[in-house]
Amino acid sequence: MKSILIISYSDLHKDPRVLKQIQALKYDYKIITIGYTTINNNNLYFYPARHITSKNLSQKEKLSLIISYFFCYQTYIKKALTRITDLEFILSYNIIKPDIIIANDWNGLFLASSLKSKHSWDSKIYFDAHEYSPKQFSNSLKWNLTIKPLINNALKKAKNDIGIMSTVCDGIAREYEKFFNYSKDHIRIITNAAEFNVNLKPKEIKDGKIRLIHHGGAVKYRKLELMIRMMKFLDPDKYELTFMLIKSDPAYYNHLLKISKNLKNINFIEPVPFSDIARTLNNYDMGVYILKPNSFNTKYSLPNKLFEFIQARLAIAIGPSVEMSKIVKDNNLGVVSKNFTAKSLARCIGQMTPEKIMEYKYNSDKNAQVLSADQNIIRIKKIIKDLE
């Protein structure tokens, strides 16, 4: 049985993309993993990565990177990359040469390329880029002067090691093609689609009240307060919004609680395990999300939550995000506001009749399988076969 090494600087047990990769390949290959946490599966080999990120760099190291930005001192960049990927520690492992390496994100690619070089492996690399790393925080001067040179360097150095790569949507794929000077359609698309849930069906609207829900991380740059503001434009006796949020930023989560406490039609509930998300959302009528395009990645965002709305058989109401709106419009799943304001989305929601909402819910049901992770699992298997 051939072996595949999956690298991801993440908590593997709750990383949807890694779990999808393992699900696609575990029956046909010996799977070896490197990440922060192991997965509860006795058939997987696991090597822990220590949690060292760019935040752990000293002021002296960050100053060196700023100097590197202006004078191209590769030595500083190489040292910083070695440190934040904990390369020397991982090189101490006696990992058997894999046939294929799946490198998740830019730091996973740097590690994969380094392992190949240090051990003289002839392993093929599949690079799952996820989103667009070189513009991850494009509005931050500090990030542009320190971390961006690391990412650009890591990607460019490993370019010739990449056999096949993928990303989450067309807009980001086109940008990577420019970055690597690849020909058009060189990069494959693996979306963040959720697993197909065959047991769920749309639920009828209860008591004449439209139940809206938003789930995900309480992260400041997502400006979730826009959806709180949106509820001020909707009849509180007819519309109710529930947040199911991971407290990624506790201070921001508490801020959201504070600004919504005087609105009787907003609730907060505790998050559920990943496997229970769709079943929990199924009790609501409409998934909502306004994501202002404050960076390249937010402009082209195509997040898990959109696909989880679909698996939950909900109607969908979103701002005019490029990739999300394509899915919603092409499959007639809900409404897209004219702009990214609370009032604009409230207007779209307020114009929907209960009958229209149910139509959108049934369209989510009709498209649930074709827009599920089932298709991505087929694509992942094809990528690996093409590399063999």
Protein backbone atom coordinates (compact mmCIF):
# COMPACT_ATOMS: atom_id res chain seq x y z
CA MET A 1 0.00 0.00 0.00
CA LYS A 2 1.40 3.39 -0.98
CA SER A 3 1.80 6.06 1.69
CA ILE A 4 0.65 9.68 1.88
CA LEU A 5 2.02 12.25 4.31
CA ILE A 6 -0.53 14.96 5.16
CA ILE A 7 0.95 18.15 6.64
CA SER A 8 -1.15 20.87 8.22
CA TYR A 9 -0.27 23.43 10.89
CA SER A 10 -3.71 23.07 12.45
CA ASP A 11 -5.74 21.03 14.92
CA LEU A 12 -6.19 18.05 12.64
CA HIS A 13 -9.16 16.59 14.53
CA LYS A 14 -11.31 19.63 13.65
CA ASP A 15 -9.78 20.81 10.38
CA PRO A 16 -12.49 20.20 7.73
CA ARG A 17 -10.09 20.14 4.77
CA VAL A 18 -7.69 17.67 6.41
CA LEU A 19 -10.58 15.47 7.53
CA LYS A 20 -11.87 15.49 3.96
CA GLN A 21 -8.46 14.47 2.61
CA ILE A 22 -8.26 11.59 5.08
CA GLN A 23 -11.82 10.49 4.33
CA ALA A 24 -11.03 10.39 0.62
CA LEU A 25 -7.80 8.40 0.91
CA LYS A 26 -7.75 6.33 4.11
CA TYR A 27 -8.97 3.07 2.53
CA ASP A 28 -6.45 3.02 -0.32
CA TYR A 29 -3.30 4.47 1.25
CA LYS A 30 -1.28 4.38 4.45
CA ILE A 31 -1.83 7.82 5.96
CA ILE A 32 0.84 9.68 7.95
CA THR A 33 -0.01 13.06 9.51
CA ILE A 34 1.88 16.04 10.90
CA GLY A 35 -0.15 18.63 12.80
CA TYR A 36 -1.03 20.08 16.20
CA THR A 37 -3.48 17.36 17.27
CA THR A 38 -4.06 13.76 16.35
CA ILE A 39 -7.22 12.24 14.92
CA ASN A 40 -8.94 9.45 16.81
CA ASN A 41 -8.09 6.76 14.28
CA ASN A 42 -5.73 3.89 15.11
CA ASN A 43 -4.89 3.38 11.44
CA LEU A 44 -3.20 6.79 11.10
CA TYR A 45 0.43 7.57 11.92
CA PHE A 46 0.87 10.90 13.70
CA TYR A 47 3.85 13.21 14.34
CA PRO A 48 3.14 16.31 16.45
CA ALA A 49 4.10 19.80 15.27
CA ARG A 50 4.76 22.35 18.00
CA HIS A 51 2.61 25.48 17.93
CA ILE A 52 5.19 28.04 16.79
CA THR A 53 3.89 30.88 14.59
CA SER A 54 5.00 34.27 13.33
CA LYS A 55 3.62 35.77 16.58
CA ASN A 56 6.44 34.01 18.45
CA LEU A 57 9.16 35.80 16.52
CA SER A 58 11.23 38.18 18.66
CA GLN A 59 11.38 41.92 17.98
CA LYS A 60 14.94 41.42 16.71
CA GLU A 61 13.76 38.75 14.24
CA LYS A 62 10.91 40.97 13.04
CA LEU A 63 13.33 43.87 12.57
CA SER A 64 15.58 41.54 10.55
CA LEU A 65 12.62 40.67 8.33
CA ILE A 66 11.84 44.35 7.75
CA ILE A 67 15.47 44.83 6.69
CA SER A 68 15.10 41.78 4.45
CA TYR A 69 12.03 43.36 2.84
CA PHE A 70 14.10 46.30 1.64
CA PHE A 71 17.46 44.62 1.02
CA CYS A 72 16.48 41.03 0.16
CA TYR A 73 18.61 39.35 2.83
CA GLN A 74 17.61 35.71 2.25
CA THR A 75 19.48 34.49 5.35
CA TYR A 76 17.03 36.22 7.71
CA ILE A 77 14.06 34.88 5.78
CA LYS A 78 15.40 31.33 5.80
CA LYS A 79 16.04 31.48 9.55
CA ALA A 80 12.54 32.78 10.27
CA LEU A 81 10.91 30.15 8.04
CA THR A 82 12.91 27.40 9.74
CA ARG A 83 11.84 28.70 13.14
CA ILE A 84 8.11 29.23 12.63
CA THR A 85 7.70 25.89 10.84
CA ASP A 86 9.84 24.27 13.57
CA LEU A 87 11.79 22.57 10.80
CA GLU A 88 14.72 21.35 12.89
CA PHE A 89 12.38 19.67 15.39
CA ILE A 90 10.37 17.89 12.68
CA LEU A 91 13.55 16.78 10.89
CA SER A 92 14.40 14.79 14.04
CA TYR A 93 11.51 12.41 13.29
CA ASN A 94 12.34 9.19 11.50
CA ILE A 95 9.55 9.46 8.92
CA ILE A 96 9.50 6.75 6.25
CA LYS A 97 9.60 8.24 2.75
CA PRO A 98 6.02 8.86 1.57
CA ASP A 99 4.99 8.39 -2.05
CA ILE A 100 2.93 11.59 -1.99
CA ILE A 101 2.85 14.60 0.35
CA ILE A 102 -0.29 16.69 0.79
CA ALA A 103 0.90 20.11 1.93
CA ASN A 104 -1.82 22.31 3.40
CA ASP A 105 -1.26 26.08 3.20
CA TRP A 106 2.04 27.89 2.55
CA ASN A 107 3.79 26.72 5.73
CA GLY A 108 2.85 23.12 5.01
CA LEU A 109 4.32 23.53 1.53
CA PHE A 110 7.58 24.94 2.94
CA LEU A 111 7.87 21.96 5.30
CA ALA A 112 7.05 19.46 2.53
CA SER A 113 9.66 20.96 0.21
CA SER A 114 12.25 21.07 3.02
CA LEU A 115 11.64 17.42 3.98
CA LYS A 116 12.04 16.39 0.34
CA SER A 117 15.31 18.27 0.07
CA LYS A 118 16.81 17.22 3.42
CA HIS A 119 15.94 13.52 3.03
CA SER A 120 16.43 13.35 -0.77
CA TRP A 121 12.88 12.04 -1.20
CA ASP A 122 11.38 11.77 -4.68
CA SER A 123 7.85 12.20 -3.27
CA LYS A 124 5.24 14.08 -5.33
CA ILE A 125 3.61 17.11 -3.67
CA TYR A 126 -0.06 18.07 -3.83
CA PHE A 127 -0.33 21.64 -2.50
CA ASP A 128 -3.75 22.56 -1.09
CA ALA A 129 -3.35 26.32 -0.87
CA HIS A 130 -6.76 26.92 0.76
CA GLU A 131 -7.08 30.72 0.43
CA TYR A 132 -4.65 33.29 -1.01
CA SER A 133 -1.74 33.56 1.45
CA PRO A 134 0.25 36.45 -0.15
CA LYS A 135 -2.64 38.86 0.50
CA GLN A 136 -3.99 37.36 3.71
CA PHE A 137 -3.78 40.65 5.64
CA SER A 138 -3.04 43.06 2.81
CA ASN A 139 -4.11 46.15 4.81
CA SER A 140 -1.54 45.61 7.57
CA LEU A 141 1.79 47.42 7.09
CA LYS A 142 3.48 45.31 9.78
CA TRP A 143 2.28 42.09 8.16
CA ASN A 144 3.40 43.27 4.71
CA LEU A 145 6.89 44.08 5.99
CA THR A 146 7.44 40.92 8.03
CA ILE A 147 5.22 37.94 7.24
CA LYS A 148 4.43 38.54 3.57
CA PRO A 149 8.11 38.17 2.50
CA LEU A 150 8.20 34.82 4.32
CA ILE A 151 5.10 33.57 2.51
CA ASN A 152 6.26 34.79 -0.91
CA ASN A 153 9.68 33.25 -0.39
CA ALA A 154 8.27 29.91 0.79
CA LEU A 155 5.88 29.67 -2.16
CA LYS A 156 8.41 30.67 -4.81
CA LYS A 157 11.16 28.38 -3.46
CA ALA A 158 8.79 25.40 -3.53
CA LYS A 159 7.19 26.14 -6.90
CA ASN A 160 9.14 23.44 -8.75
CA ASP A 161 8.18 20.83 -6.14
CA ILE A 162 4.45 21.31 -6.68
CA GLY A 163 2.94 18.51 -8.76
CA ILE A 164 -0.69 19.62 -8.50
CA MET A 165 -2.30 22.37 -6.43
CA SER A 166 -5.81 23.40 -5.50
CA THR A 167 -7.64 26.25 -3.83
CA VAL A 168 -11.19 27.03 -2.72
CA CYS A 169 -12.62 29.04 -5.62
CA ASP A 170 -12.05 30.44 -9.11
CA GLY A 171 -11.09 33.98 -8.03
CA ILE A 172 -8.25 32.74 -5.82
CA ALA A 173 -7.15 30.17 -8.43
CA ARG A 174 -6.72 32.93 -11.03
CA GLU A 175 -4.60 34.95 -8.58
CA TYR A 176 -2.32 31.99 -7.84
CA GLU A 177 -1.92 31.40 -11.58
CA LYS A 178 -0.58 34.94 -11.87
CA PHE A 179 1.66 34.50 -8.82
CA PHE A 180 3.24 31.27 -10.09
CA ASN A 181 2.98 32.23 -13.77
CA TYR A 182 0.90 29.12 -14.39
CA SER A 183 -1.27 28.71 -17.47
CA LYS A 184 -5.02 29.27 -17.08
CA ASP A 185 -6.94 26.44 -15.41
CA HIS A 186 -3.71 24.89 -14.12
CA ILE A 187 -5.11 24.90 -10.56
CA ARG A 188 -7.97 22.69 -9.44
CA ILE A 189 -10.89 23.74 -7.22
CA ILE A 190 -11.65 22.00 -3.92
CA THR A 191 -14.36 23.98 -2.15
CA ASN A 192 -15.11 24.03 1.56
CA ALA A 193 -18.28 22.02 0.97
CA ALA A 194 -19.83 20.19 3.90
CA GLU A 195 -20.53 16.46 4.02
CA PHE A 196 -23.81 15.42 2.39
CA ASN A 197 -26.48 14.86 5.03
CA VAL A 198 -29.02 12.50 3.50
CA ASN A 199 -31.33 12.49 6.53
CA LEU A 200 -32.24 16.19 6.64
CA LYS A 201 -35.22 17.77 4.91
CA PRO A 202 -36.55 21.36 4.92
CA LYS A 203 -38.73 22.17 7.92
CA GLU A 204 -41.87 24.24 7.64
CA ILE A 205 -41.88 27.76 9.11
CA LYS A 206 -43.34 27.66 12.64
CA ASP A 207 -45.75 30.11 14.25
CA GLY A 208 -45.33 32.65 11.43
CA LYS A 209 -41.86 33.62 12.75
CA ILE A 210 -38.83 33.60 10.43
CA ARG A 211 -35.87 32.17 12.31
CA LEU A 212 -32.48 33.40 11.04
CA ILE A 213 -29.14 31.93 12.08
CA HIS A 214 -25.46 32.76 11.73
CA HIS A 215 -22.71 30.42 12.95
CA GLY A 216 -18.92 30.43 12.96
CA GLY A 217 -16.14 32.20 14.80
CA ALA A 218 -16.51 35.45 16.73
CA VAL A 219 -13.77 37.20 14.75
CA LYS A 220 -13.57 40.98 14.68
CA TYR A 221 -12.69 41.46 10.99
CA ARG A 222 -15.93 39.70 10.01
CA LYS A 223 -17.91 42.60 11.50
CA LEU A 224 -20.75 40.47 12.81
CA GLU A 225 -22.29 43.59 14.33
CA LEU A 226 -23.67 44.32 10.85
CA MET A 227 -26.16 41.49 11.32
CA ILE A 228 -27.12 42.83 14.74
CA ARG A 229 -27.75 46.21 13.13
CA MET A 230 -29.75 44.46 10.40
CA MET A 231 -32.30 43.25 12.97
CA LYS A 232 -33.21 46.86 13.81
CA PHE A 233 -34.74 47.11 10.33
CA LEU A 234 -36.85 43.94 10.71
CA ASP A 235 -40.09 43.45 12.66
CA PRO A 236 -39.06 41.88 16.01
CA ASP A 237 -42.36 39.99 16.19
CA LYS A 238 -41.76 38.39 12.82
CA TYR A 239 -37.97 37.87 12.63
CA GLU A 240 -35.53 36.35 15.10
CA LEU A 241 -31.73 36.01 14.74
CA THR A 242 -29.66 33.40 16.56
CA PHE A 243 -25.87 33.47 16.77
CA MET A 244 -24.05 30.19 17.33
CA LEU A 245 -20.46 31.38 17.73
CA ILE A 246 -17.12 29.94 18.74
CA LYS A 247 -15.52 32.44 21.14
CA SER A 248 -12.42 32.90 18.96
CA ASP A 249 -12.01 36.41 20.36
CA PRO A 250 -13.69 36.49 23.81
CA ALA A 251 -13.55 40.29 24.06
CA TYR A 252 -15.27 40.65 20.68
CA TYR A 253 -17.84 37.99 21.60
CA ASN A 254 -18.69 39.93 24.78
CA HIS A 255 -18.96 43.12 22.71
CA LEU A 256 -21.55 41.42 20.49
CA LEU A 257 -23.50 40.33 23.57
CA LYS A 258 -23.44 43.87 24.92
CA ILE A 259 -24.66 45.65 21.78
CA SER A 260 -27.48 43.15 21.23
CA LYS A 261 -28.79 42.88 24.79
CA ASN A 262 -31.59 45.43 24.22
CA LEU A 263 -32.86 43.65 21.10
CA LYS A 264 -35.42 41.03 22.05
CA ASN A 265 -35.15 39.24 18.69
CA ILE A 266 -31.45 38.26 19.00
CA ASN A 267 -30.28 35.11 20.78
CA PHE A 268 -26.91 33.48 21.44
CA ILE A 269 -26.52 29.72 21.78
CA GLU A 270 -23.49 27.56 22.48
CA PRO A 271 -21.70 26.01 19.50
CA VAL A 272 -22.20 22.32 18.78
CA PRO A 273 -19.65 19.73 17.59
CA PHE A 274 -18.70 19.95 13.92
CA SER A 275 -20.69 16.81 13.08
CA ASP A 276 -23.89 18.30 14.57
CA ILE A 277 -23.85 21.67 12.79
CA ALA A 278 -26.20 20.87 9.90
CA ARG A 279 -28.69 19.06 12.14
CA THR A 280 -28.77 22.05 14.53
CA LEU A 281 -29.15 24.62 11.73
CA ASN A 282 -32.01 22.59 10.25
CA ASN A 283 -34.27 23.92 13.02
CA TYR A 284 -34.03 27.42 11.51
CA ASP A 285 -35.33 28.96 8.27
CA MET A 286 -32.57 31.11 6.86
CA GLY A 287 -28.78 31.30 7.08
CA VAL A 288 -27.43 34.87 6.97
CA TYR A 289 -24.00 36.39 6.40
CA ILE A 290 -22.65 39.82 5.49
CA LEU A 291 -18.89 39.79 4.93
CA LYS A 292 -17.40 43.12 3.89
CA PRO A 293 -14.52 42.68 1.39
CA ASN A 294 -11.80 44.22 3.56
CA SER A 295 -9.06 42.01 2.06
CA PHE A 296 -8.45 39.88 -1.02
CA ASN A 297 -9.54 36.71 0.76
CA THR A 298 -12.73 38.21 2.18
CA LYS A 299 -13.57 39.52 -1.31
CA TYR A 300 -13.43 35.96 -2.70
CA SER A 301 -14.52 34.14 0.45
CA LEU A 302 -16.40 30.87 -0.05
CA PRO A 303 -16.64 29.58 3.53
CA ASN A 304 -17.79 26.33 5.11
CA LYS A 305 -20.83 28.03 6.58
CA LEU A 306 -22.44 28.65 3.17
CA PHE A 307 -22.31 24.93 2.39
CA GLU A 308 -23.51 24.09 5.90
CA PHE A 309 -26.55 26.32 5.30
CA ILE A 310 -27.24 24.23 2.19
CA GLN A 311 -26.83 20.89 3.99
CA ALA A 312 -29.21 22.21 6.68
CA ARG A 313 -31.75 22.87 3.88
CA LEU A 314 -32.04 26.58 4.68
CA ALA A 315 -32.88 29.59 2.58
CA ILE A 316 -29.83 31.89 2.35
CA ALA A 317 -29.45 35.67 2.66
CA ILE A 318 -26.00 37.16 2.02
CA GLY A 319 -24.16 40.29 0.97
CA PRO A 320 -22.86 40.53 -2.62
CA SER A 321 -19.67 38.49 -2.02
CA VAL A 322 -18.27 37.39 -5.40
CA GLU A 323 -18.06 33.63 -4.96
CA MET A 324 -20.89 33.13 -2.46
CA SER A 325 -23.36 35.04 -4.61
CA LYS A 326 -22.52 32.81 -7.62
CA ILE A 327 -23.57 29.72 -5.67
CA VAL A 328 -26.72 31.33 -4.30
CA LYS A 329 -27.86 32.83 -7.61
CA ASP A 330 -26.93 29.90 -9.86
CA ASN A 331 -28.92 27.48 -7.71
CA ASN A 332 -31.72 29.86 -6.65
CA LEU A 333 -31.03 29.33 -2.95
CA GLY A 334 -31.94 32.76 -1.58
CA VAL A 335 -31.25 36.48 -1.85
CA VAL A 336 -28.17 38.65 -2.35
CA SER A 337 -28.25 42.26 -1.18
CA LYS A 338 -27.16 45.16 -3.41
CA ASN A 339 -24.40 46.21 -1.04
CA PHE A 340 -22.76 45.22 2.25
CA THR A 341 -24.98 47.31 4.53
CA ALA A 342 -27.31 46.04 7.22
CA LYS A 343 -30.23 47.94 5.75
CA SER A 344 -29.74 46.48 2.27
CA LEU A 345 -29.80 42.87 3.48
CA ALA A 346 -32.73 43.58 5.82
CA ARG A 347 -34.68 44.92 2.85
CA CYS A 348 -34.05 41.69 0.88
CA ILE A 349 -35.11 39.53 3.82
CA GLY A 350 -38.20 41.62 4.54
CA GLN A 351 -39.43 41.28 0.94
CA MET A 352 -39.47 37.47 1.05
CA THR A 353 -42.81 35.78 1.62
CA PRO A 354 -42.99 32.55 3.67
CA GLU A 355 -43.77 30.73 0.42
CA LYS A 356 -40.60 32.11 -1.21
CA ILE A 357 -38.49 31.13 1.79
CA MET A 358 -39.84 27.56 1.55
CA GLU A 359 -39.04 27.52 -2.17
CA TYR A 360 -35.42 28.43 -1.39
CA LYS A 361 -35.29 25.77 1.33
CA TYR A 362 -36.48 23.11 -1.11
CA ASN A 363 -33.88 24.30 -3.65
CA SER A 364 -31.19 23.78 -1.00
CA ASP A 365 -32.53 20.26 -0.53
CA LYS A 366 -32.50 19.63 -4.29
CA ASN A 367 -28.86 20.79 -4.60
CA ALA A 368 -27.53 19.39 -1.31
CA GLN A 369 -25.72 16.40 -2.80
CA VAL A 370 -24.18 18.11 -5.83
CA LEU A 371 -22.92 20.95 -3.60
CA SER A 372 -21.60 18.60 -0.92
CA ALA A 373 -18.15 17.26 -0.05
CA ASP A 374 -18.96 14.11 -2.05
CA GLN A 375 -17.81 15.87 -5.22
CA ASN A 376 -14.60 17.09 -3.56
CA ILE A 377 -13.74 13.61 -2.34
CA ILE A 378 -13.94 12.42 -5.95
CA ARG A 379 -11.69 15.33 -7.00
CA ILE A 380 -9.13 14.63 -4.26
CA LYS A 381 -8.92 10.98 -5.30
CA LYS A 382 -8.41 12.10 -8.91
CA ILE A 383 -5.57 14.47 -7.91
CA ILE A 384 -3.75 11.67 -6.09
CA LYS A 385 -4.23 9.23 -9.00
CA ASP A 386 -2.87 11.86 -11.40
CA LEU A 387 0.24 12.24 -9.22
CA GLU A 388 0.97 8.51 -9.04
